[in-house]
Protein backbone atom coordinates (compact mmCIF):
# COMPACT_ATOMS: atom_id res chain seq x y z
CA UNK A 1 -5.03 -21.91 -43.04
CA UNK A 2 -4.97 -18.27 -44.17
CA UNK A 3 -8.56 -17.80 -43.03
CA UNK A 4 -7.83 -19.38 -39.64
CA UNK A 5 -4.80 -17.10 -39.17
CA UNK A 6 -6.92 -13.94 -40.12
CA UNK A 7 -9.74 -15.05 -37.74
CA UNK A 8 -7.20 -15.47 -34.90
CA UNK A 9 -5.78 -11.99 -35.53
CA UNK A 10 -9.27 -10.45 -35.55
CA UNK A 11 -10.17 -12.22 -32.34
CA UNK A 12 -6.96 -11.14 -30.61
CA UNK A 13 -7.56 -7.45 -31.55
CA UNK A 14 -11.30 -7.22 -30.75
CA UNK A 15 -12.58 -3.71 -30.12
CA UNK A 16 -12.60 -3.31 -26.30
CA UNK A 17 -15.89 -1.43 -26.47
CA UNK A 18 -17.47 -4.74 -27.55
CA UNK A 19 -16.49 -6.64 -24.37
CA UNK A 20 -15.11 -4.38 -21.55
CA UNK A 21 -18.47 -2.93 -20.48
CA UNK A 22 -20.32 -6.27 -20.64
CA UNK A 23 -17.54 -8.10 -18.80
CA UNK A 24 -17.51 -5.67 -15.86
CA UNK A 25 -21.25 -5.54 -15.76
CA UNK A 26 -21.06 -9.33 -15.35
CA UNK A 27 -18.50 -8.90 -12.58
CA UNK A 28 -20.57 -6.43 -10.60
CA UNK A 29 -24.02 -8.17 -10.77
CA UNK A 30 -23.22 -11.31 -8.67
CA UNK A 31 -21.53 -9.29 -5.94
CA UNK A 32 -24.57 -7.02 -5.50
CA UNK A 33 -26.85 -10.00 -5.64
CA UNK A 34 -24.99 -11.70 -2.72
CA UNK A 35 -24.17 -8.68 -0.54
CA UNK A 36 -27.24 -6.43 -1.16
CA UNK A 37 -30.18 -8.11 -2.78
CA UNK A 38 -29.94 -11.24 -0.54
CA UNK A 39 -30.30 -9.21 2.63
CA UNK A 40 -33.36 -7.38 1.29
CA UNK A 41 -34.90 -10.63 0.06
CA UNK A 42 -34.46 -12.34 3.41
CA UNK A 43 -35.88 -9.24 5.20
CA UNK A 44 -39.00 -9.35 3.04
CA UNK A 45 -39.33 -13.05 3.90
CA UNK A 46 -39.25 -12.35 7.63
CA UNK A 47 -35.80 -13.49 8.58
CA UNK A 48 -34.63 -11.63 11.79
CA UNK A 49 -32.03 -8.87 11.36
CA UNK A 50 -29.25 -10.58 13.43
CA UNK A 51 -29.58 -13.69 11.31
CA UNK A 52 -29.45 -11.74 8.06
CA UNK A 53 -26.23 -9.92 9.08
CA UNK A 54 -24.66 -13.18 10.16
CA UNK A 55 -25.57 -14.94 6.93
CA UNK A 56 -24.33 -12.09 4.74
CA UNK A 57 -21.04 -11.99 6.74
CA UNK A 58 -20.55 -15.68 5.89
CA UNK A 59 -21.36 -15.07 2.26
CA UNK A 60 -18.51 -12.52 2.02
CA UNK A 61 -15.83 -15.08 2.88
CA UNK A 62 -14.91 -16.07 -0.73
CA UNK A 63 -13.93 -12.43 -1.50
CA UNK A 64 -11.82 -12.36 1.65
CA UNK A 65 -9.73 -15.37 0.80
CA UNK A 66 -9.69 -15.09 -2.99
CA UNK A 67 -5.94 -14.10 -3.06
CA UNK A 68 -5.15 -17.62 -1.83
CA UNK A 69 -6.32 -19.38 -5.03
CA UNK A 70 -5.76 -16.59 -7.52
CA UNK A 71 -2.36 -18.07 -8.58
CA UNK A 72 -4.10 -21.26 -9.76
CA UNK A 73 -6.31 -19.30 -12.15
CA UNK A 74 -2.91 -18.55 -13.86
CA UNK A 75 -1.81 -22.13 -13.81
CA UNK A 76 -4.89 -24.00 -15.00
CA UNK A 77 -6.17 -23.06 -18.47
CA UNK A 78 -6.66 -19.45 -19.73
CA UNK A 79 -8.36 -16.50 -18.19
CA UNK A 80 -10.87 -16.62 -21.03
CA UNK A 81 -11.77 -20.19 -20.08
CA UNK A 82 -12.22 -19.29 -16.44
CA UNK A 83 -14.45 -16.32 -17.30
CA UNK A 84 -16.74 -18.42 -19.42
CA UNK A 85 -16.78 -21.35 -17.00
CA UNK A 86 -17.60 -19.14 -14.00
CA UNK A 87 -20.43 -17.39 -15.97
CA UNK A 88 -22.02 -20.82 -16.53
CA UNK A 89 -21.69 -21.67 -12.81
CA UNK A 90 -23.16 -18.26 -11.81
CA UNK A 91 -26.07 -18.65 -14.13
CA UNK A 92 -26.73 -22.15 -12.72
CA UNK A 93 -26.49 -20.79 -9.12
CA UNK A 94 -29.03 -18.02 -9.98
CA UNK A 95 -31.41 -20.65 -11.39
CA UNK A 96 -30.87 -22.87 -8.31
CA UNK A 97 -31.72 -20.03 -5.91
CA UNK A 98 -34.80 -19.23 -7.93
CA UNK A 99 -35.94 -22.88 -7.86
CA UNK A 100 -35.44 -23.33 -4.06
CA UNK A 101 -36.89 -19.97 -2.91
CA UNK A 102 -40.57 -21.24 -3.01
CA UNK A 103 -39.67 -24.39 -1.05
CA UNK A 104 -40.11 -25.00 2.69
CA UNK A 105 -36.29 -25.29 3.12
CA UNK A 106 -35.52 -22.15 1.08
CA UNK A 107 -33.23 -20.57 3.67
CA UNK A 108 -30.70 -23.43 3.91
CA UNK A 109 -30.74 -24.21 0.17
CA UNK A 110 -30.51 -20.62 -1.03
CA UNK A 111 -27.70 -19.84 1.41
CA UNK A 112 -25.71 -22.81 0.11
CA UNK A 113 -26.20 -21.75 -3.50
CA UNK A 114 -25.48 -18.13 -2.76
CA UNK A 115 -22.21 -19.26 -1.13
CA UNK A 116 -21.30 -21.19 -4.27
CA UNK A 117 -22.33 -18.16 -6.26
CA UNK A 118 -19.99 -15.97 -4.12
CA UNK A 119 -17.08 -18.41 -4.73
CA UNK A 120 -17.73 -18.45 -8.47
CA UNK A 121 -18.02 -14.66 -8.55
CA UNK A 122 -14.72 -14.14 -6.63
CA UNK A 123 -12.97 -16.52 -9.12
CA UNK A 124 -14.65 -14.67 -12.00
CA UNK A 125 -13.28 -11.40 -10.58
CA UNK A 126 -9.76 -12.78 -10.60
CA UNK A 127 -10.04 -13.97 -14.19
CA UNK A 128 -11.66 -10.70 -15.43
CA UNK A 129 -8.93 -8.52 -13.95
CA UNK A 130 -6.18 -10.73 -15.29
CA UNK A 131 -7.81 -10.94 -18.70
CA UNK A 132 -8.19 -7.17 -18.82
CA UNK A 133 -4.44 -6.66 -18.33
CA UNK A 134 -3.59 -9.37 -20.95
CA UNK A 135 -5.99 -8.24 -23.60
CA UNK A 136 -5.28 -4.50 -23.50
CA UNK A 137 -2.06 -2.54 -23.86
CA UNK A 138 -1.17 -0.31 -20.91
CA UNK A 139 -2.41 2.90 -22.57
CA UNK A 140 -5.75 1.28 -23.40
CA UNK A 141 -6.03 -0.14 -19.87
CA UNK A 142 -5.78 3.43 -18.54
CA UNK A 143 -8.37 4.69 -20.99
CA UNK A 144 -10.89 1.89 -20.25
CA UNK A 145 -10.60 1.89 -16.46
CA UNK A 146 -13.32 4.54 -16.20
CA UNK A 147 -15.53 2.56 -18.60
CA UNK A 148 -15.16 -0.68 -16.56
CA UNK A 149 -15.92 1.19 -13.31
CA UNK A 150 -19.03 2.73 -14.87
CA UNK A 151 -20.16 -0.69 -16.08
CA UNK A 152 -19.64 -2.06 -12.59
CA UNK A 153 -21.73 0.71 -11.12
CA UNK A 154 -24.47 0.03 -13.69
CA UNK A 155 -24.59 -3.56 -12.36
CA UNK A 156 -25.00 -2.03 -8.91
CA UNK A 157 -27.90 0.12 -10.08
CA UNK A 158 -29.45 -2.86 -11.86
CA UNK A 159 -29.18 -5.20 -8.84
CA UNK A 160 -29.80 -2.96 -5.84
CA UNK A 161 -32.18 -0.69 -7.74
CA UNK A 162 -34.11 -2.05 -10.68
CA UNK A 163 -34.27 -5.66 -9.64
CA UNK A 164 -35.20 -4.80 -6.02
CA UNK A 165 -37.94 -2.57 -7.38
CA UNK A 166 -39.13 -5.33 -9.65
CA UNK A 167 -39.33 -7.71 -6.69
CA UNK A 168 -41.40 -5.11 -4.82
CA UNK A 169 -43.85 -4.68 -7.72
CA UNK A 170 -44.23 -8.43 -8.14
CA UNK A 171 -44.65 -8.96 -4.40
CA UNK A 172 -47.82 -6.81 -4.54
CA UNK A 173 -49.32 -9.17 -7.10
CA UNK A 174 -48.19 -12.52 -5.73
CA UNK A 175 -46.38 -14.21 -2.87
CA UNK A 176 -42.99 -12.60 -1.84
CA UNK A 177 -41.12 -15.85 -2.38
CA UNK A 178 -42.44 -16.24 -5.91
CA UNK A 179 -41.63 -12.63 -6.68
CA UNK A 180 -37.99 -13.15 -5.78
CA UNK A 181 -37.96 -16.52 -7.54
CA UNK A 182 -38.86 -14.72 -10.80
CA UNK A 183 -36.14 -12.08 -10.15
CA UNK A 184 -33.49 -14.75 -9.81
CA UNK A 185 -34.71 -16.61 -12.87
CA UNK A 186 -34.32 -13.34 -14.77
CA UNK A 187 -30.79 -12.97 -13.49
CA UNK A 188 -29.99 -16.59 -14.60
CA UNK A 189 -31.31 -15.83 -18.09
CA UNK A 190 -29.24 -12.65 -18.18
CA UNK A 191 -26.03 -14.46 -17.25
CA UNK A 192 -26.80 -17.24 -19.78
CA UNK A 193 -27.01 -14.58 -22.49
CA UNK A 194 -23.78 -12.94 -21.22
CA UNK A 195 -22.05 -16.35 -21.48
CA UNK A 196 -23.17 -16.81 -25.06
CA UNK A 197 -22.21 -13.25 -25.95
CA UNK A 198 -18.73 -13.52 -24.41
CA UNK A 199 -18.21 -16.98 -25.94
CA UNK A 200 -18.05 -15.24 -29.33
CA UNK A 201 -16.93 -11.70 -28.49
CA UNK A 202 -14.11 -12.09 -25.96
CA UNK A 203 -10.73 -11.80 -27.74
CA UNK A 204 -8.07 -14.43 -27.57
CA UNK A 205 -4.90 -12.51 -26.44
CA UNK A 206 -1.67 -13.80 -27.87
CA UNK A 207 -0.18 -13.76 -24.36
CA UNK A 208 -2.74 -16.40 -23.33
CA UNK A 209 -1.93 -18.52 -26.36
CA UNK A 210 1.73 -18.94 -25.42
CA UNK A 211 2.94 -22.46 -24.79
CA UNK A 212 4.96 -21.32 -21.75
CA UNK A 213 3.58 -22.57 -18.52
CA UNK A 214 4.63 -21.63 -15.01
CA UNK A 215 4.97 -24.65 -12.78
CA UNK A 216 2.78 -25.17 -9.75
CA UNK A 217 5.88 -25.11 -7.58
CA UNK A 218 6.91 -21.70 -8.88
CA UNK A 219 3.41 -20.32 -8.40
CA UNK A 220 3.24 -21.62 -4.81
CA UNK A 221 6.69 -20.17 -4.10
CA UNK A 222 5.60 -16.84 -5.51
CA UNK A 223 2.39 -16.95 -3.42
CA UNK A 224 4.28 -17.68 -0.15
CA UNK A 225 6.83 -14.99 -0.92
CA UNK A 226 4.30 -12.29 -1.76
CA UNK A 227 2.23 -13.02 1.41
CA UNK A 228 5.33 -13.11 3.71
CA UNK A 229 6.70 -9.92 2.18
CA UNK A 230 3.32 -8.17 2.76
CA UNK A 231 3.28 -8.94 6.47
CA UNK A 232 6.90 -7.87 6.95
CA UNK A 233 6.50 -4.48 5.22
CA UNK A 234 7.32 -1.37 7.22
CA UNK A 235 4.30 -0.05 8.94
CA UNK A 236 2.24 -3.27 8.56
CA UNK A 237 0.63 -3.04 12.02
CA UNK A 238 -0.58 0.45 11.45
CA UNK A 239 -1.85 -0.40 7.95
CA UNK A 240 -3.78 -3.45 9.26
CA UNK A 241 -5.43 -1.22 11.87
CA UNK A 242 -6.25 1.35 9.15
CA UNK A 243 -7.80 -1.27 6.84
CA UNK A 244 -9.97 -2.71 9.70
CA UNK A 245 -10.88 0.42 11.51
CA UNK A 246 -11.02 3.34 9.04
CA UNK A 247 -14.44 2.11 7.78
CA UNK A 248 -15.52 0.34 11.01
CA UNK A 249 -18.45 2.71 11.59
CA UNK A 250 -19.53 2.78 7.92
CA UNK A 251 -19.33 -0.98 7.57
CA UNK A 252 -21.80 -1.33 10.43
CA UNK A 253 -24.11 1.16 8.88
CA UNK A 254 -24.28 -0.37 5.36
CA UNK A 255 -26.32 -3.53 5.97
CA UNK A 256 -28.41 -2.24 8.87
CA UNK A 257 -29.43 0.89 6.87
CA UNK A 258 -31.25 -1.27 4.31
CA UNK A 259 -33.02 -3.26 7.02
CA UNK A 260 -33.87 -0.05 8.82
CA UNK A 261 -35.62 1.21 5.68
CA UNK A 262 -37.74 -1.89 5.38
CA UNK A 263 -38.66 -2.43 9.04
CA UNK A 264 -42.08 -1.10 10.18
CA UNK A 265 -42.34 1.99 12.39
CA UNK A 266 -43.33 -0.20 15.32
CA UNK A 267 -39.83 -1.73 15.22
CA UNK A 268 -38.15 1.64 14.71
CA UNK A 269 -37.86 1.48 10.98
CA UNK A 270 -38.94 3.73 8.10
CA UNK A 271 -41.57 1.21 6.73
CA UNK A 272 -40.56 1.77 3.12
CA UNK A 273 -41.64 -0.60 0.37
CA UNK A 274 -39.13 -2.66 -1.62
CA UNK A 275 -39.83 -0.47 -4.65
CA UNK A 276 -38.94 2.69 -2.65
CA UNK A 277 -35.73 1.08 -1.20
CA UNK A 278 -34.75 -0.04 -4.73
CA UNK A 279 -35.12 3.50 -5.96
CA UNK A 280 -33.12 4.93 -3.04
CA UNK A 281 -30.20 2.44 -3.32
CA UNK A 282 -30.13 2.16 -7.07
CA UNK A 283 -30.55 5.72 -8.18
CA UNK A 284 -30.19 8.45 -5.54
CA UNK A 285 -27.67 6.50 -3.47
CA UNK A 286 -25.53 5.39 -6.46
CA UNK A 287 -25.46 8.82 -8.11
CA UNK A 288 -24.42 10.53 -4.81
CA UNK A 289 -21.80 7.82 -4.20
CA UNK A 290 -20.35 8.31 -7.74
CA UNK A 291 -20.25 12.12 -7.31
CA UNK A 292 -18.46 11.78 -3.96
CA UNK A 293 -15.90 9.46 -5.45
CA UNK A 294 -15.26 11.62 -8.52
CA UNK A 295 -14.90 14.81 -6.46
CA UNK A 296 -12.68 12.95 -3.99
CA UNK A 297 -10.37 11.82 -6.75
CA UNK A 298 -10.15 15.35 -8.19
CA UNK A 299 -9.38 16.71 -4.73
CA UNK A 300 -6.54 14.26 -4.14
CA UNK A 301 -5.13 14.96 -7.58
CA UNK A 302 -5.03 18.66 -6.68
CA UNK A 303 -3.48 18.62 -3.24
CA UNK A 304 -2.30 15.04 -2.59
CA UNK A 305 -3.61 12.29 -0.33
CA UNK A 306 -2.02 13.53 2.93
CA UNK A 307 -3.67 16.94 2.62
CA UNK A 308 -7.16 15.35 2.46
CA UNK A 309 -6.90 12.55 5.02
CA UNK A 310 -8.63 14.34 7.88
CA UNK A 311 -11.26 16.08 5.72
CA UNK A 312 -12.14 12.79 4.10
CA UNK A 313 -12.32 11.07 7.43
CA UNK A 314 -14.74 13.76 8.53
CA UNK A 315 -16.79 13.45 5.38
CA UNK A 316 -17.01 9.67 5.88
CA UNK A 317 -18.14 10.08 9.56
CA UNK A 318 -20.24 13.21 10.00
CA UNK A 319 -23.04 12.23 7.53
CA UNK A 320 -23.95 9.34 9.90
CA UNK A 321 -25.85 11.99 11.79
CA UNK A 322 -28.46 11.67 8.98
CA UNK A 323 -29.38 8.23 10.20
CA UNK A 324 -29.59 9.34 13.80
CA UNK A 325 -32.11 11.92 12.62
CA UNK A 326 -34.07 9.40 10.58
CA UNK A 327 -34.25 6.91 13.42
CA UNK A 328 -35.34 9.63 15.82
CA UNK A 329 -37.84 11.49 13.65
CA UNK A 330 -39.05 8.54 11.43
CA UNK A 331 -40.14 10.98 8.71
CA UNK A 332 -42.79 9.85 6.23
CA UNK A 333 -41.66 12.40 3.65
CA UNK A 334 -39.89 10.43 0.97
CA UNK A 335 -38.02 13.52 -0.26
CA UNK A 336 -36.43 14.06 3.18
CA UNK A 337 -35.38 10.39 3.32
CA UNK A 338 -33.83 10.69 -0.15
CA UNK A 339 -31.88 13.77 0.91
CA UNK A 340 -30.51 12.07 4.02
CA UNK A 341 -29.42 8.97 2.08
CA UNK A 342 -27.81 11.13 -0.65
CA UNK A 343 -25.85 13.12 1.97
CA UNK A 344 -24.61 9.92 3.61
CA UNK A 345 -23.66 8.23 0.32
CA UNK A 346 -21.86 11.29 -0.97
CA UNK A 347 -19.85 11.45 2.21
CA UNK A 348 -19.08 7.74 1.89
CA UNK A 349 -17.90 8.11 -1.75
CA UNK A 350 -15.73 11.14 -0.85
CA UNK A 351 -14.22 9.57 2.27
CA UNK A 352 -13.72 6.12 0.76
CA UNK A 353 -11.33 7.65 -1.88
CA UNK A 354 -8.70 8.19 0.82
CA UNK A 355 -9.06 4.57 1.89
CA UNK A 356 -8.50 3.15 -1.57
CA UNK A 357 -5.60 5.53 -2.38
CA UNK A 358 -3.80 4.46 0.79
CA UNK A 359 -4.17 0.81 -0.16
CA UNK A 360 -2.54 1.57 -3.57
CA UNK A 361 0.17 3.59 -1.76
CA UNK A 362 0.96 0.80 0.69
CA UNK A 363 1.02 -1.83 -2.12
CA UNK A 364 3.85 -0.07 -4.01
CA UNK A 365 6.80 -2.33 -4.60
CA UNK A 366 7.74 -5.65 -6.30
CA UNK A 367 4.52 -7.45 -5.42
CA UNK A 368 2.09 -4.54 -5.73
CA UNK A 369 -0.61 -6.61 -7.44
CA UNK A 370 -0.58 -9.33 -4.81
CA UNK A 371 -0.25 -6.88 -1.92
CA UNK A 372 -3.21 -4.86 -3.12
CA UNK A 373 -5.30 -8.10 -3.41
CA UNK A 374 -4.29 -9.03 0.12
CA UNK A 375 -5.34 -5.59 1.44
CA UNK A 376 -8.73 -5.88 -0.28
CA UNK A 377 -9.16 -9.32 1.18
CA UNK A 378 -8.51 -7.90 4.70
CA UNK A 379 -10.94 -5.10 3.85
CA UNK A 380 -13.64 -7.68 3.02
CA UNK A 381 -12.90 -9.44 6.38
CA UNK A 382 -13.55 -6.12 8.14
CA UNK A 383 -16.80 -5.66 6.23
CA UNK A 384 -18.04 -9.16 7.16
CA UNK A 385 -17.08 -8.87 10.82
CA UNK A 386 -18.74 -5.40 11.12
CA UNK A 387 -21.91 -6.73 9.48
CA UNK A 388 -22.13 -9.57 12.00
CA UNK A 389 -21.51 -7.29 14.96
CA UNK A 390 -24.04 -4.76 13.70
CA UNK A 391 -26.86 -7.32 13.73
CA UNK A 392 -26.23 -8.29 17.32
CA UNK A 393 -25.94 -4.71 18.55
CA UNK A 394 -29.02 -3.47 16.74
CA UNK A 395 -31.10 -6.29 18.13
CA UNK A 396 -30.17 -5.26 21.68
CA UNK A 397 -30.08 -1.51 21.22
CA UNK A 398 -32.71 -0.64 18.65
CA UNK A 399 -32.07 1.48 15.58
CA UNK A 400 -31.84 4.87 17.31
CA UNK A 401 -29.19 3.94 19.83
CA UNK A 402 -27.42 1.73 17.25
CA UNK A 403 -26.89 4.71 14.97
CA UNK A 404 -25.57 6.70 17.87
CA UNK A 405 -23.12 3.89 18.50
CA UNK A 406 -22.13 3.99 14.79
CA UNK A 407 -21.43 7.71 15.14
CA UNK A 408 -19.32 7.15 18.24
CA UNK A 409 -17.25 4.51 16.36
CA UNK A 410 -16.08 7.35 14.07
CA UNK A 411 -13.37 7.93 16.69
CA UNK A 412 -11.54 4.87 15.33
CA UNK A 413 -11.55 6.46 11.87
CA UNK A 414 -9.73 9.57 13.10
CA UNK A 415 -7.38 7.52 15.36
CA UNK A 416 -6.00 5.39 12.47
CA UNK A 417 -5.72 8.44 10.22
CA UNK A 418 -3.49 9.99 12.87
CA UNK A 419 -1.21 6.87 12.86
CA UNK A 420 -0.56 6.38 9.15
CA UNK A 421 2.29 8.14 7.24
CA UNK A 422 1.98 9.24 3.67
CA UNK A 423 4.40 11.20 1.47
CA UNK A 424 3.12 14.77 1.14
CA UNK A 425 2.96 14.73 -2.67
CA UNK A 426 1.54 11.26 -3.18
CA UNK A 427 -1.50 11.32 -5.40
CA UNK A 428 -0.89 14.93 -6.52
CA UNK A 429 -1.08 15.43 -10.26
CA UNK A 430 2.30 16.36 -11.71
CA UNK A 431 2.56 19.57 -13.61
């Protein structure tokens, strides 16, 4: 009995360095697989751009609606159980995609499995964030927030960078479908190992071992109350417009920029290889994005959110000119292409800081966790809708005129910035 009690105490107080980085790496990898890698894979297999953007917009639905089932992750079993269960499901989905890719019906089967993967990943996100708050004291939560974000970005680098590059290398030696099949088998094996690791390493927080259970009725009542209170908050109409339109131009650019890199020059693209695209997205792009976000956070801490709203809107929008240039000149100098992508990604990272800070600002109040989750769900809806629209517009306009359209859509960014109201000192670091 003494040994069991000692083991439980050790498990409950596990060093966060042993599990926080691996847990948030596991959270980031499925998202990048569904929202980035899938579009590149389908492009290399010859699927038309408008179909790719339509499919990826569908695949984003689970992240849009995840606030609706998040309370049930609290009701049924523990967060630890949900994490481990979803990691098994995710590994199985990866293996299923890998198995179906070489088949004649790969498109339908892989899309179905990727949708299940997205649902499991969204549920995994809910459990991870809840577990993080249960397993760590508030001061340690603050300390490790940077660590978890870094681990998530490493997953982005791994998925959109290293694994895409691997697919490109393998595609030169064998069929494209078999190349991607091996990549997804590798991801399945990675998640199987993560499951085994977390099965033994994840702590067992005492808060999760409590016998107290909230009834389903109470959870449903809380869900209804939190949602209704969100849509009756002061300034909700302006906030909804801000969430949907601040990134309207950028959201259209994101998916089409990857396809633009891969398309041949005869179709207005840059004719880059998958290896080159993986390098661009996974190294240059991610580093520039991180720098933009870090500098944006430092800027807001110095002068407050309201001071930086217009400069950040400008930094989000003006770098879109880089893609107009690329589509017009179609340079074959890889260094120039890298520079253009770096400028655009830095601007996105800097400008996106204002967007996320406003969501936190608007969520303040009794239900701030739920309200923030609802805002991010609406954000995901805006991303999916813009992806779908971008595919249709590019098909009819061509890349050059499409990127001009994206630049013109920046007017919506400045319009919604003019509408929102923020306390002048919000976000400013207190002396």
